C-alpha atoms as a PDB file:
ATOM      1  CA  MET A   1     -15.392  14.903  15.132  1.00  0.00           C
ATOM      2  CA  SER A   2     -11.702  14.389  15.809  1.00  0.00           C
ATOM      3  CA  LEU A   3      -8.922  13.561  13.366  1.00  0.00           C
ATOM      4  CA  GLU A   4      -8.813  10.015  14.754  1.00  0.00           C
ATOM      5  CA  ASP A   5     -12.471   9.605  13.777  1.00  0.00           C
ATOM      6  CA  CYS A   6     -11.586  10.464  10.174  1.00  0.00           C
ATOM      7  CA  ALA A   7      -8.283   8.561   9.930  1.00  0.00           C
ATOM      8  CA  ALA A   8      -9.637   5.628   7.914  1.00  0.00           C
ATOM      9  CA  GLU A   9     -11.470   7.899   5.477  1.00  0.00           C
ATOM     10  CA  LEU A  10      -8.440  10.157   5.028  1.00  0.00           C
ATOM     11  CA  SER A  11      -6.280   7.105   4.461  1.00  0.00           C
ATOM     12  CA  LEU A  12      -8.671   5.859   1.790  1.00  0.00           C
ATOM     13  CA  TRP A  13      -8.717   9.196  -0.053  1.00  0.00           C
ATOM     14  CA  GLY A  14      -4.923   9.379   0.243  1.00  0.00           C
ATOM     15  CA  ALA A  15      -4.768   5.990  -1.487  1.00  0.00           C
ATOM     16  CA  VAL A  16      -7.046   7.330  -4.237  1.00  0.00           C
ATOM     17  CA  VAL A  17      -4.687  10.264  -4.831  1.00  0.00           C
ATOM     18  CA  ALA A  18      -1.697   7.896  -4.858  1.00  0.00           C
ATOM     19  CA  GLN A  19      -3.480   5.693  -7.426  1.00  0.00           C
ATOM     20  CA  LEU A  20      -4.174   8.777  -9.542  1.00  0.00           C
ATOM     21  CA  ILE A  21      -0.435   9.462  -9.671  1.00  0.00           C
ATOM     22  CA  GLU A  22       0.368   5.823 -10.500  1.00  0.00           C
ATOM     23  CA  ASP A  23      -2.251   5.732 -13.263  1.00  0.00           C
ATOM     24  CA  ALA A  24      -0.876   8.938 -14.801  1.00  0.00           C
ATOM     25  CA  LEU A  25       2.661   7.527 -14.714  1.00  0.00           C
ATOM     26  CA  ASP A  26       1.415   4.289 -16.276  1.00  0.00           C
ATOM     27  CA  TYR A  27      -0.200   6.320 -19.047  1.00  0.00           C
ATOM     28  CA  ARG A  28       3.189   7.863 -19.847  1.00  0.00           C
ATOM     29  CA  ARG A  29       4.903   4.490 -19.646  1.00  0.00           C
ATOM     30  CA  LEU A  30       2.301   2.125 -21.139  1.00  0.00           C
ATOM     31  CA  GLY A  31      -0.255   4.277 -22.925  1.00  0.00           C
ATOM     32  CA  PRO A  32      -4.008   4.185 -22.474  1.00  0.00           C
ATOM     33  CA  ASP A  33      -5.880   1.310 -20.870  1.00  0.00           C
ATOM     34  CA  ARG A  34      -9.191   0.011 -22.159  1.00  0.00           C
ATOM     35  CA  HIS A  35     -11.223   1.797 -19.470  1.00  0.00           C
ATOM     36  CA  GLY A  36      -9.562   5.178 -19.891  1.00  0.00           C
ATOM     37  CA  PHE A  37      -8.407   5.434 -16.262  1.00  0.00           C
ATOM     38  CA  ARG A  38      -4.775   6.157 -17.145  1.00  0.00           C
ATOM     39  CA  GLU A  39      -5.657   8.890 -19.612  1.00  0.00           C
ATOM     40  CA  GLU A  40      -8.085  10.542 -17.181  1.00  0.00           C
ATOM     41  CA  ALA A  41      -5.386  10.517 -14.502  1.00  0.00           C
ATOM     42  CA  HIS A  42      -2.890  11.961 -16.965  1.00  0.00           C
ATOM     43  CA  HIS A  43      -5.272  14.817 -17.802  1.00  0.00           C
ATOM     44  CA  ALA A  44      -6.159  15.417 -14.148  1.00  0.00           C
ATOM     45  CA  LEU A  45      -2.491  15.940 -13.277  1.00  0.00           C
ATOM     46  CA  ASN A  46      -1.396  17.749 -16.431  1.00  0.00           C
ATOM     47  CA  ARG A  47      -4.415  20.047 -16.659  1.00  0.00           C
ATOM     48  CA  PRO A  48      -5.415  20.384 -13.003  1.00  0.00           C
ATOM     49  CA  GLY A  49      -9.030  21.243 -12.459  1.00  0.00           C
ATOM     50  CA  PRO A  50     -11.996  20.545 -10.221  1.00  0.00           C
ATOM     51  CA  MET A  51     -11.418  16.786  -9.980  1.00  0.00           C
ATOM     52  CA  LEU A  52      -7.940  17.236  -8.522  1.00  0.00           C
ATOM     53  CA  GLN A  53      -9.220  19.919  -6.154  1.00  0.00           C
ATOM     54  CA  ARG A  54     -11.992  17.609  -4.961  1.00  0.00           C
ATOM     55  CA  LEU A  55      -9.762  14.551  -4.492  1.00  0.00           C
ATOM     56  CA  THR A  56      -7.024  16.419  -2.674  1.00  0.00           C
ATOM     57  CA  GLY A  57      -9.617  18.147  -0.497  1.00  0.00           C
ATOM     58  CA  LEU A  58     -11.113  14.798   0.501  1.00  0.00           C
ATOM     59  CA  ALA A  59      -7.628  13.429   1.184  1.00  0.00           C
ATOM     60  CA  GLY A  60      -6.670  16.491   3.210  1.00  0.00           C
ATOM     61  CA  VAL A  61      -3.588  17.217   1.104  1.00  0.00           C
ATOM     62  CA  ASP A  62      -2.473  20.283  -0.806  1.00  0.00           C
ATOM     63  CA  PRO A  63      -2.993  19.942  -4.586  1.00  0.00           C
ATOM     64  CA  ASP A  64       0.318  21.685  -5.275  1.00  0.00           C
ATOM     65  CA  THR A  65       2.088  19.063  -3.165  1.00  0.00           C
ATOM     66  CA  VAL A  66       0.435  16.303  -5.210  1.00  0.00           C
ATOM     67  CA  LEU A  67       1.447  17.990  -8.470  1.00  0.00           C
ATOM     68  CA  THR A  68       5.015  18.412  -7.226  1.00  0.00           C
ATOM     69  CA  CYS A  69       5.159  14.729  -6.267  1.00  0.00           C
ATOM     70  CA  TYR A  70       3.815  13.724  -9.684  1.00  0.00           C
ATOM     71  CA  GLN A  71       6.312  15.944 -11.510  1.00  0.00           C
ATOM     72  CA  ARG A  72       9.179  14.548  -9.428  1.00  0.00           C
ATOM     73  CA  ARG A  73       8.117  10.955 -10.152  1.00  0.00           C
ATOM     74  CA  LEU A  74       7.693  11.829 -13.828  1.00  0.00           C
ATOM     75  CA  GLY A  75      11.219  13.255 -13.877  1.00  0.00           C
ATOM     76  CA  ASP A  76      12.528  10.030 -12.358  1.00  0.00           C
ATOM     77  CA  MET A  77      11.295   8.090 -15.381  1.00  0.00           C
ATOM     78  CA  ARG A  78      14.377   7.791 -17.530  1.00  0.00           C
ATOM     79  CA  PRO A  79      14.448   6.742 -21.154  1.00  0.00           C
ATOM     80  CA  GLU A  80      16.322   3.551 -21.902  1.00  0.00           C
ATOM     81  CA  MET A  81      16.940   1.850 -25.194  1.00  0.00           C
ATOM     82  CA  SER A  82      15.583  -1.650 -25.684  1.00  0.00           C
ATOM     83  CA  GLY A  83      17.043  -3.765 -28.468  1.00  0.00           C
ATOM     84  CA  ALA A  84      20.303  -1.823 -28.307  1.00  0.00           C
ATOM     85  CA  SER A  85      22.226  -4.684 -29.922  1.00  0.00           C
ATOM     86  CA  ASN A  86      20.572  -3.702 -33.214  1.00  0.00           C
ATOM     87  CA  PRO A  87      20.274   0.095 -33.328  1.00  0.00           C
ATOM     88  CA  GLY A  88      18.053  -0.083 -36.404  1.00  0.00           C
ATOM     89  CA  THR A  89      15.316  -1.807 -34.426  1.00  0.00           C
ATOM     90  CA  ALA A  90      15.920  -0.208 -31.030  1.00  0.00           C
ATOM     91  CA  ARG A  91      12.870   1.382 -29.400  1.00  0.00           C
ATOM     92  CA  LEU A  92      12.762   4.014 -26.731  1.00  0.00           C
ATOM     93  CA  ALA A  93      11.080   2.734 -23.553  1.00  0.00           C
ATOM     94  CA  PHE A  94      10.507   4.535 -20.279  1.00  0.00           C
ATOM     95  CA  GLN A  95      11.582   2.758 -17.133  1.00  0.00           C
ATOM     96  CA  PRO A  96      10.486   3.845 -13.643  1.00  0.00           C
END
């Protein structure tokens, strides 16, 4: 089987890994969702284990590269103050 034969499948698994990163970032930004997807993604990328190994293997990407990408995106999230006109009620919010 050639790489061209697997292109659609690799693309699909690559999208799954990308969604894992987005869900983990959303967990940091928005908190848990009712299905637990964000929290699971957060744990998968902050305590890498078999799930990350499996997903990255199916996607054909290096797990360390995925973790580096996640950490870089996480570092790009900068805290901003909302409600800054009244410092007593201002809340810290993360913006992508």
